[in-house]
Amino acid sequence: MTDVNSNAANTQAVKEANAVNTIPVTNVEDSRKLVINILRHNPEDDTSVPHLQTFELEEAESMTLFIALNEIRENQDPTLQFDFVCRAGICGSCAMVVNGRPNLACRTLTKDLPSVITLAPLPGFELIGDLSVNTGKWMRNMSEYLQTWIHSKEQERDICEMEEKMEPELADKIYELERCIECGCCIAACGTAQMRADFAGAVGINQLARFRLDPRDDRTDAEFYEVIGSEDGVFGCMTLLGCEDMCPKELPLAQQIAFMRRKMALAG
């Protein structure tokens, strides 16, 4: 009697395990047809006129916009221009406007979007072609203007010396601000940046907030004020919160802008 009960229990356990481990098979007939409208323009071609071009393709399991764009370029139009490097939401190269909202193509699943998708390049940056913009040029100019590096009063440092110790709590705060990938989504979503080309933007102010926290940086608030204490810096922000809403890394950008604004108001 015991063996019968034991066998029955084992059979039931196997059935339950198989039910848990069963991976549902996606029905191919249920796949959607995606209609992707892409704003196209080549500024190097005098005859090029900005226009929307429509592409259609079948949606695949776990398809991202990056995968969809690659499929379009490989199978439909090899002239399509867009940027990518890491494909993991780290480099920020694939940022673009997706149905009116700045986002990363490699981190955007098509299943989370309607079947009709409209793509455009990030506004506020030099257009290279189609969905490709020169965010690197803008970030470099911003970095040079704001001097986003550690300023030390020591003229020379021994590269062999031990690194200065830092409290873990402070290191975590600095790391949190260092997670910015300079994708440009905050600039594209910023009303001030679209109206004022010299505006430092959330990305620039966030970087200075990071260096203000760093004990290795010897700059005073008065020196930071000389850089961002103007309408092109913290006082130009209209607090529309577009930067924080669109940041793919969910950084506390509005908080950092408000923090630096208070410090600069006291310093000025």
C-alpha atoms as a PDB file:
ATOM      1  CA  MET A   1       0.000   0.000   0.000  1.00  0.00           C
ATOM      2  CA  THR A   2       2.848   2.311   0.815  1.00  0.00           C
ATOM      3  CA  ASP A   3       4.545   1.718  -2.560  1.00  0.00           C
ATOM      4  CA  VAL A   4       1.308   2.527  -4.419  1.00  0.00           C
ATOM      5  CA  ASN A   5       0.849   5.786  -2.529  1.00  0.00           C
ATOM      6  CA  SER A   6       4.515   6.652  -3.022  1.00  0.00           C
ATOM      7  CA  ASN A   7       4.322   6.067  -6.782  1.00  0.00           C
ATOM      8  CA  ALA A   8       1.146   8.120  -7.049  1.00  0.00           C
ATOM      9  CA  ALA A   9       2.791  10.974  -5.124  1.00  0.00           C
ATOM     10  CA  ASN A  10       5.869  10.856  -7.341  1.00  0.00           C
ATOM     11  CA  THR A  11       3.734  10.872 -10.496  1.00  0.00           C
ATOM     12  CA  GLN A  12       1.796  13.894  -9.247  1.00  0.00           C
ATOM     13  CA  ALA A  13       5.056  15.692  -8.351  1.00  0.00           C
ATOM     14  CA  VAL A  14       6.446  15.065 -11.839  1.00  0.00           C
ATOM     15  CA  LYS A  15       3.249  16.435 -13.421  1.00  0.00           C
ATOM     16  CA  GLU A  16       3.412  19.589 -11.278  1.00  0.00           C
ATOM     17  CA  ALA A  17       7.100  20.098 -12.077  1.00  0.00           C
ATOM     18  CA  ASN A  18       6.433  19.721 -15.793  1.00  0.00           C
ATOM     19  CA  ALA A  19       3.575  22.209 -15.566  1.00  0.00           C
ATOM     20  CA  VAL A  20       5.840  24.763 -13.879  1.00  0.00           C
ATOM     21  CA  ASN A  21       8.730  24.258 -16.286  1.00  0.00           C
ATOM     22  CA  THR A  22       6.661  24.314 -19.441  1.00  0.00           C
ATOM     23  CA  ILE A  23       7.636  27.241 -21.684  1.00  0.00           C
ATOM     24  CA  PRO A  24       4.645  28.443 -23.730  1.00  0.00           C
ATOM     25  CA  VAL A  25       5.218  28.350 -27.457  1.00  0.00           C
ATOM     26  CA  THR A  26       4.453  31.632 -29.189  1.00  0.00           C
ATOM     27  CA  ASN A  27       1.894  31.298 -31.932  1.00  0.00           C
ATOM     28  CA  VAL A  28       3.424  32.720 -35.088  1.00  0.00           C
ATOM     29  CA  GLU A  29      -0.031  33.694 -36.318  1.00  0.00           C
ATOM     30  CA  ASP A  30      -0.381  36.054 -33.320  1.00  0.00           C
ATOM     31  CA  SER A  31       2.659  38.153 -34.284  1.00  0.00           C
ATOM     32  CA  ARG A  32       1.912  41.746 -35.200  1.00  0.00           C
ATOM     33  CA  LYS A  33       2.833  43.636 -38.317  1.00  0.00           C
ATOM     34  CA  LEU A  34       4.738  46.753 -37.308  1.00  0.00           C
ATOM     35  CA  VAL A  35       4.469  49.969 -39.295  1.00  0.00           C
ATOM     36  CA  ILE A  36       7.511  52.139 -38.591  1.00  0.00           C
ATOM     37  CA  ASN A  37       7.570  55.731 -39.843  1.00  0.00           C
ATOM     38  CA  ILE A  38      11.089  57.181 -39.847  1.00  0.00           C
ATOM     39  CA  LEU A  39      11.931  60.857 -40.319  1.00  0.00           C
ATOM     40  CA  ARG A  40      14.663  60.861 -42.950  1.00  0.00           C
ATOM     41  CA  HIS A  41      17.007  63.603 -44.085  1.00  0.00           C
ATOM     42  CA  ASN A  42      20.624  63.839 -45.211  1.00  0.00           C
ATOM     43  CA  PRO A  43      22.009  67.339 -44.480  1.00  0.00           C
ATOM     44  CA  GLU A  44      25.021  66.612 -46.678  1.00  0.00           C
ATOM     45  CA  ASP A  45      22.749  66.219 -49.727  1.00  0.00           C
ATOM     46  CA  ASP A  46      21.431  69.531 -51.066  1.00  0.00           C
ATOM     47  CA  THR A  47      18.542  67.750 -52.771  1.00  0.00           C
ATOM     48  CA  SER A  48      17.427  65.957 -49.594  1.00  0.00           C
ATOM     49  CA  VAL A  49      14.124  67.087 -48.089  1.00  0.00           C
ATOM     50  CA  PRO A  50      13.001  65.960 -44.596  1.00  0.00           C
ATOM     51  CA  HIS A  51      10.256  63.392 -45.013  1.00  0.00           C
ATOM     52  CA  LEU A  52       8.688  60.383 -43.330  1.00  0.00           C
ATOM     53  CA  GLN A  53       9.405  56.993 -44.876  1.00  0.00           C
ATOM     54  CA  THR A  54       7.282  54.004 -43.918  1.00  0.00           C
ATOM     55  CA  PHE A  55       8.601  50.480 -43.389  1.00  0.00           C
ATOM     56  CA  GLU A  56       6.685  47.331 -42.487  1.00  0.00           C
ATOM     57  CA  LEU A  57       7.983  44.202 -40.793  1.00  0.00           C
ATOM     58  CA  GLU A  58       6.801  41.294 -38.683  1.00  0.00           C
ATOM     59  CA  GLU A  59       7.267  41.648 -34.950  1.00  0.00           C
ATOM     60  CA  ALA A  60       9.467  38.983 -33.370  1.00  0.00           C
ATOM     61  CA  GLU A  61       9.633  37.680 -29.826  1.00  0.00           C
ATOM     62  CA  SER A  62      11.442  40.149 -27.481  1.00  0.00           C
ATOM     63  CA  MET A  63      12.109  42.501 -30.391  1.00  0.00           C
ATOM     64  CA  THR A  64      13.609  45.879 -29.516  1.00  0.00           C
ATOM     65  CA  LEU A  65      13.590  48.971 -31.701  1.00  0.00           C
ATOM     66  CA  PHE A  66      17.286  48.408 -32.260  1.00  0.00           C
ATOM     67  CA  ILE A  67      16.593  44.932 -33.661  1.00  0.00           C
ATOM     68  CA  ALA A  68      13.769  46.297 -35.805  1.00  0.00           C
ATOM     69  CA  LEU A  69      15.979  49.049 -37.236  1.00  0.00           C
ATOM     70  CA  ASN A  70      18.739  46.566 -37.990  1.00  0.00           C
ATOM     71  CA  GLU A  71      16.275  44.344 -39.811  1.00  0.00           C
ATOM     72  CA  ILE A  72      15.093  47.313 -41.874  1.00  0.00           C
ATOM     73  CA  ARG A  73      18.655  48.292 -42.760  1.00  0.00           C
ATOM     74  CA  GLU A  74      19.695  44.737 -43.618  1.00  0.00           C
ATOM     75  CA  ASN A  75      16.614  43.678 -45.584  1.00  0.00           C
ATOM     76  CA  GLN A  76      14.874  46.820 -46.844  1.00  0.00           C
ATOM     77  CA  ASP A  77      17.068  49.937 -46.977  1.00  0.00           C
ATOM     78  CA  PRO A  78      20.835  49.800 -46.370  1.00  0.00           C
ATOM     79  CA  THR A  79      21.075  53.622 -46.464  1.00  0.00           C
ATOM     80  CA  LEU A  80      19.172  54.062 -43.194  1.00  0.00           C
ATOM     81  CA  GLN A  81      21.359  55.872 -40.650  1.00  0.00           C
ATOM     82  CA  PHE A  82      21.183  55.327 -36.885  1.00  0.00           C
ATOM     83  CA  ASP A  83      23.760  54.847 -34.143  1.00  0.00           C
ATOM     84  CA  PHE A  84      24.539  51.978 -31.797  1.00  0.00           C
ATOM     85  CA  VAL A  85      27.537  50.578 -29.918  1.00  0.00           C
ATOM     86  CA  CYS A  86      26.800  48.539 -26.799  1.00  0.00           C
ATOM     87  CA  ARG A  87      23.182  47.403 -27.373  1.00  0.00           C
ATOM     88  CA  ALA A  88      22.814  47.255 -23.576  1.00  0.00           C
ATOM     89  CA  GLY A  89      21.707  50.749 -22.536  1.00  0.00           C
ATOM     90  CA  ILE A  90      25.211  51.772 -21.462  1.00  0.00           C
ATOM     91  CA  CYS A  91      26.705  53.858 -24.285  1.00  0.00           C
ATOM     92  CA  GLY A  92      23.641  56.007 -25.003  1.00  0.00           C
ATOM     93  CA  SER A  93      24.342  56.074 -28.742  1.00  0.00           C
ATOM     94  CA  CYS A  94      20.940  54.798 -29.887  1.00  0.00           C
ATOM     95  CA  ALA A  95      18.855  57.551 -28.283  1.00  0.00           C
ATOM     96  CA  MET A  96      16.058  58.847 -30.516  1.00  0.00           C
ATOM     97  CA  VAL A  97      12.527  60.200 -30.315  1.00  0.00           C
ATOM     98  CA  VAL A  98      10.052  57.310 -30.135  1.00  0.00           C
ATOM     99  CA  ASN A  99       6.437  58.344 -30.638  1.00  0.00           C
ATOM    100  CA  GLY A 100       7.276  61.816 -29.361  1.00  0.00           C
ATOM    101  CA  ARG A 101       9.355  60.728 -26.350  1.00  0.00           C
ATOM    102  CA  PRO A 102      13.177  60.497 -26.170  1.00  0.00           C
ATOM    103  CA  ASN A 103      14.306  56.955 -25.414  1.00  0.00           C
ATOM    104  CA  LEU A 104      16.984  54.329 -26.084  1.00  0.00           C
ATOM    105  CA  ALA A 105      16.222  52.084 -29.059  1.00  0.00           C
ATOM    106  CA  CYS A 106      18.100  49.140 -27.542  1.00  0.00           C
ATOM    107  CA  ARG A 107      16.037  49.237 -24.343  1.00  0.00           C
ATOM    108  CA  THR A 108      12.635  49.813 -25.936  1.00  0.00           C
ATOM    109  CA  LEU A 109      10.607  46.663 -26.612  1.00  0.00           C
ATOM    110  CA  THR A 110       8.262  46.891 -29.567  1.00  0.00           C
ATOM    111  CA  LYS A 111       5.641  44.927 -27.596  1.00  0.00           C
ATOM    112  CA  ASP A 112       5.341  47.945 -25.297  1.00  0.00           C
ATOM    113  CA  LEU A 113       4.510  50.204 -28.255  1.00  0.00           C
ATOM    114  CA  PRO A 114       1.518  50.425 -30.576  1.00  0.00           C
ATOM    115  CA  SER A 115       1.774  48.734 -33.969  1.00  0.00           C
ATOM    116  CA  VAL A 116       2.384  52.124 -35.631  1.00  0.00           C
ATOM    117  CA  ILE A 117       5.685  53.655 -34.489  1.00  0.00           C
ATOM    118  CA  THR A 118       7.142  57.019 -35.475  1.00  0.00           C
ATOM    119  CA  LEU A 119      10.871  57.649 -35.030  1.00  0.00           C
ATOM    120  CA  ALA A 120      12.788  60.921 -35.284  1.00  0.00           C
ATOM    121  CA  PRO A 121      16.288  62.126 -34.360  1.00  0.00           C
ATOM    122  CA  LEU A 122      16.920  63.853 -31.032  1.00  0.00           C
ATOM    123  CA  PRO A 123      16.307  67.611 -31.311  1.00  0.00           C
ATOM    124  CA  GLY A 124      18.956  70.020 -30.088  1.00  0.00           C
ATOM    125  CA  PHE A 125      21.916  68.209 -31.660  1.00  0.00           C
ATOM    126  CA  GLU A 126      23.691  68.426 -35.001  1.00  0.00           C
ATOM    127  CA  LEU A 127      22.045  66.050 -37.445  1.00  0.00           C
ATOM    128  CA  ILE A 128      24.345  63.560 -39.173  1.00  0.00           C
ATOM    129  CA  GLY A 129      21.588  61.814 -41.101  1.00  0.00           C
ATOM    130  CA  ASP A 130      18.187  60.217 -40.488  1.00  0.00           C
ATOM    131  CA  LEU A 131      18.194  59.107 -36.810  1.00  0.00           C
ATOM    132  CA  SER A 132      21.902  59.782 -36.244  1.00  0.00           C
ATOM    133  CA  VAL A 133      22.910  62.939 -34.349  1.00  0.00           C
ATOM    134  CA  ASN A 134      26.269  64.170 -33.086  1.00  0.00           C
ATOM    135  CA  THR A 135      25.743  64.015 -29.333  1.00  0.00           C
ATOM    136  CA  GLY A 136      29.496  63.546 -28.842  1.00  0.00           C
ATOM    137  CA  LYS A 137      30.281  67.003 -30.198  1.00  0.00           C
ATOM    138  CA  TRP A 138      27.701  68.637 -27.942  1.00  0.00           C
ATOM    139  CA  MET A 139      28.897  66.706 -24.854  1.00  0.00           C
ATOM    140  CA  ARG A 140      32.527  67.582 -25.537  1.00  0.00           C
ATOM    141  CA  ASN A 141      31.755  71.294 -25.892  1.00  0.00           C
ATOM    142  CA  MET A 142      29.686  71.181 -22.723  1.00  0.00           C
ATOM    143  CA  SER A 143      32.436  69.381 -20.819  1.00  0.00           C
ATOM    144  CA  GLU A 144      35.088  71.872 -21.914  1.00  0.00           C
ATOM    145  CA  TYR A 145      32.883  74.871 -21.098  1.00  0.00           C
ATOM    146  CA  LEU A 146      31.903  73.580 -17.636  1.00  0.00           C
ATOM    147  CA  GLN A 147      35.349  72.066 -16.965  1.00  0.00           C
ATOM    148  CA  THR A 148      33.905  68.775 -15.778  1.00  0.00           C
ATOM    149  CA  TRP A 149      37.023  67.304 -14.279  1.00  0.00           C
ATOM    150  CA  ILE A 150      38.661  67.368 -10.843  1.00  0.00           C
ATOM    151  CA  HIS A 151      40.368  70.678 -10.064  1.00  0.00           C
ATOM    152  CA  SER A 152      43.197  70.312  -7.592  1.00  0.00           C
ATOM    153  CA  LYS A 153      45.386  73.076  -6.178  1.00  0.00           C
ATOM    154  CA  GLU A 154      48.331  70.725  -6.315  1.00  0.00           C
ATOM    155  CA  GLN A 155      50.268  71.344  -9.523  1.00  0.00           C
ATOM    156  CA  GLU A 156      51.597  67.804  -9.774  1.00  0.00           C
ATOM    157  CA  ARG A 157      50.545  64.540  -8.222  1.00  0.00           C
ATOM    158  CA  ASP A 158      52.461  61.331  -7.766  1.00  0.00           C
ATOM    159  CA  ILE A 159      50.651  58.727  -9.842  1.00  0.00           C
ATOM    160  CA  CYS A 160      52.124  56.020  -7.614  1.00  0.00           C
ATOM    161  CA  GLU A 161      50.664  57.384  -4.376  1.00  0.00           C
ATOM    162  CA  MET A 162      47.795  55.655  -2.602  1.00  0.00           C
ATOM    163  CA  GLU A 163      44.312  56.753  -3.607  1.00  0.00           C
ATOM    164  CA  GLU A 164      42.624  59.034  -1.097  1.00  0.00           C
ATOM    165  CA  LYS A 165      40.164  57.292   1.194  1.00  0.00           C
ATOM    166  CA  MET A 166      36.477  58.129   0.924  1.00  0.00           C
ATOM    167  CA  GLU A 167      33.495  57.236   3.064  1.00  0.00           C
ATOM    168  CA  PRO A 168      31.345  54.543   1.400  1.00  0.00           C
ATOM    169  CA  GLU A 169      28.222  56.697   1.768  1.00  0.00           C
ATOM    170  CA  LEU A 170      29.880  59.553  -0.111  1.00  0.00           C
ATOM    171  CA  ALA A 171      31.246  57.209  -2.762  1.00  0.00           C
ATOM    172  CA  ASP A 172      27.713  55.875  -3.326  1.00  0.00           C
ATOM    173  CA  LYS A 173      26.364  59.411  -3.800  1.00  0.00           C
ATOM    174  CA  ILE A 174      29.062  60.191  -6.346  1.00  0.00           C
ATOM    175  CA  TYR A 175      28.499  56.894  -8.139  1.00  0.00           C
ATOM    176  CA  GLU A 176      24.765  57.613  -8.386  1.00  0.00           C
ATOM    177  CA  LEU A 177      25.497  60.787 -10.369  1.00  0.00           C
ATOM    178  CA  GLU A 178      28.217  59.061 -12.393  1.00  0.00           C
ATOM    179  CA  ARG A 179      25.630  56.684 -13.886  1.00  0.00           C
ATOM    180  CA  CYS A 180      24.778  59.289 -16.531  1.00  0.00           C
ATOM    181  CA  ILE A 181      25.507  57.822 -19.985  1.00  0.00           C
ATOM    182  CA  GLU A 182      25.310  61.169 -21.856  1.00  0.00           C
ATOM    183  CA  CYS A 183      22.637  59.855 -24.199  1.00  0.00           C
ATOM    184  CA  GLY A 184      21.118  63.300 -24.735  1.00  0.00           C
ATOM    185  CA  CYS A 185      17.534  62.353 -23.782  1.00  0.00           C
ATOM    186  CA  CYS A 186      17.439  65.051 -21.089  1.00  0.00           C
ATOM    187  CA  ILE A 187      18.527  67.714 -23.586  1.00  0.00           C
ATOM    188  CA  ALA A 188      15.971  66.568 -26.152  1.00  0.00           C
ATOM    189  CA  ALA A 189      13.226  66.755 -23.498  1.00  0.00           C
ATOM    190  CA  CYS A 190      14.319  70.162 -22.146  1.00  0.00           C
ATOM    191  CA  GLY A 191      12.335  73.215 -23.204  1.00  0.00           C
ATOM    192  CA  THR A 192      15.131  75.603 -22.211  1.00  0.00           C
ATOM    193  CA  ALA A 193      17.739  73.657 -24.219  1.00  0.00           C
ATOM    194  CA  GLN A 194      15.551  73.873 -27.313  1.00  0.00           C
ATOM    195  CA  MET A 195      15.305  77.659 -26.947  1.00  0.00           C
ATOM    196  CA  ARG A 196      18.825  78.441 -25.728  1.00  0.00           C
ATOM    197  CA  ALA A 197      21.680  76.646 -27.475  1.00  0.00           C
ATOM    198  CA  ASP A 198      24.214  77.497 -24.742  1.00  0.00           C
ATOM    199  CA  PHE A 199      22.148  76.076 -21.893  1.00  0.00           C
ATOM    200  CA  ALA A 200      24.211  73.570 -19.873  1.00  0.00           C
ATOM    201  CA  GLY A 201      21.231  71.268 -19.431  1.00  0.00           C
ATOM    202  CA  ALA A 202      20.612  68.651 -16.770  1.00  0.00           C
ATOM    203  CA  VAL A 203      23.544  66.555 -17.957  1.00  0.00           C
ATOM    204  CA  GLY A 204      26.010  69.414 -17.393  1.00  0.00           C
ATOM    205  CA  ILE A 205      24.578  70.561 -14.064  1.00  0.00           C
ATOM    206  CA  ASN A 206      24.470  66.964 -12.862  1.00  0.00           C
ATOM    207  CA  GLN A 207      28.168  66.574 -13.625  1.00  0.00           C
ATOM    208  CA  LEU A 208      29.086  69.706 -11.672  1.00  0.00           C
ATOM    209  CA  ALA A 209      26.942  68.483  -8.773  1.00  0.00           C
ATOM    210  CA  ARG A 210      29.010  65.303  -8.868  1.00  0.00           C
ATOM    211  CA  PHE A 211      32.320  67.202  -8.684  1.00  0.00           C
ATOM    212  CA  ARG A 212      31.022  69.467  -5.928  1.00  0.00           C
ATOM    213  CA  LEU A 213      30.516  66.319  -3.839  1.00  0.00           C
ATOM    214  CA  ASP A 214      34.010  65.012  -4.590  1.00  0.00           C
ATOM    215  CA  PRO A 215      36.441  65.912  -1.762  1.00  0.00           C
ATOM    216  CA  ARG A 216      39.308  65.759  -4.255  1.00  0.00           C
ATOM    217  CA  ASP A 217      37.922  68.789  -6.119  1.00  0.00           C
ATOM    218  CA  ASP A 218      39.146  72.031  -4.539  1.00  0.00           C
ATOM    219  CA  ARG A 219      36.723  74.425  -6.239  1.00  0.00           C
ATOM    220  CA  THR A 220      34.536  76.642  -4.073  1.00  0.00           C
ATOM    221  CA  ASP A 221      30.864  77.470  -4.630  1.00  0.00           C
ATOM    222  CA  ALA A 222      31.968  80.889  -5.841  1.00  0.00           C
ATOM    223  CA  GLU A 223      34.052  79.223  -8.545  1.00  0.00           C
ATOM    224  CA  PHE A 224      31.154  76.954  -9.533  1.00  0.00           C
ATOM    225  CA  TYR A 225      28.962  80.069  -9.664  1.00  0.00           C
ATOM    226  CA  GLU A 226      31.248  81.581 -12.296  1.00  0.00           C
ATOM    227  CA  VAL A 227      30.477  78.606 -14.526  1.00  0.00           C
ATOM    228  CA  ILE A 228      26.761  77.911 -14.030  1.00  0.00           C
ATOM    229  CA  GLY A 229      25.430  80.901 -12.064  1.00  0.00           C
ATOM    230  CA  SER A 230      23.602  82.376 -15.063  1.00  0.00           C
ATOM    231  CA  GLU A 231      20.616  81.903 -17.379  1.00  0.00           C
ATOM    232  CA  ASP A 232      22.735  79.399 -19.318  1.00  0.00           C
ATOM    233  CA  GLY A 233      23.179  77.423 -16.102  1.00  0.00           C
ATOM    234  CA  VAL A 234      21.024  76.668 -13.073  1.00  0.00           C
ATOM    235  CA  PHE A 235      18.950  79.844 -13.326  1.00  0.00           C
ATOM    236  CA  GLY A 236      17.815  79.035 -16.854  1.00  0.00           C
ATOM    237  CA  CYS A 237      15.955  75.878 -15.840  1.00  0.00           C
ATOM    238  CA  MET A 238      12.160  76.286 -16.075  1.00  0.00           C
ATOM    239  CA  THR A 239      11.527  73.189 -13.878  1.00  0.00           C
ATOM    240  CA  LEU A 240       9.435  71.417 -16.495  1.00  0.00           C
ATOM    241  CA  LEU A 241      10.922  68.101 -15.262  1.00  0.00           C
ATOM    242  CA  GLY A 242      11.264  66.740 -18.796  1.00  0.00           C
ATOM    243  CA  CYS A 243      14.877  65.784 -18.090  1.00  0.00           C
ATOM    244  CA  GLU A 244      14.034  63.591 -15.114  1.00  0.00           C
ATOM    245  CA  ASP A 245      10.926  62.121 -16.748  1.00  0.00           C
ATOM    246  CA  MET A 246      12.856  61.035 -19.854  1.00  0.00           C
ATOM    247  CA  CYS A 247      16.146  59.924 -18.258  1.00  0.00           C
ATOM    248  CA  PRO A 248      16.588  56.213 -19.132  1.00  0.00           C
ATOM    249  CA  LYS A 249      18.756  55.770 -16.024  1.00  0.00           C
ATOM    250  CA  GLU A 250      16.149  57.418 -13.769  1.00  0.00           C
ATOM    251  CA  LEU A 251      18.685  59.836 -12.289  1.00  0.00           C
ATOM    252  CA  PRO A 252      17.443  62.470  -9.797  1.00  0.00           C
ATOM    253  CA  LEU A 253      18.211  65.303 -12.227  1.00  0.00           C
ATOM    254  CA  ALA A 254      15.580  67.760 -10.982  1.00  0.00           C
ATOM    255  CA  GLN A 255      16.842  67.275  -7.430  1.00  0.00           C
ATOM    256  CA  GLN A 256      20.422  68.007  -8.466  1.00  0.00           C
ATOM    257  CA  ILE A 257      19.408  71.129 -10.407  1.00  0.00           C
ATOM    258  CA  ALA A 258      17.440  72.425  -7.408  1.00  0.00           C
ATOM    259  CA  PHE A 259      20.352  71.628  -5.079  1.00  0.00           C
ATOM    260  CA  MET A 260      22.896  73.462  -7.247  1.00  0.00           C
ATOM    261  CA  ARG A 261      20.499  76.394  -7.734  1.00  0.00           C
ATOM    262  CA  ARG A 262      20.214  76.894  -3.969  1.00  0.00           C
ATOM    263  CA  LYS A 263      23.995  76.691  -3.540  1.00  0.00           C
ATOM    264  CA  MET A 264      24.619  79.109  -6.395  1.00  0.00           C
ATOM    265  CA  ALA A 265      22.031  81.565  -5.069  1.00  0.00           C
ATOM    266  CA  LEU A 266      23.881  81.630  -1.747  1.00  0.00           C
ATOM    267  CA  ALA A 267      27.256  81.932  -3.466  1.00  0.00           C
ATOM    268  CA  GLY A 268      26.099  84.791  -5.720  1.00  0.00           C
END
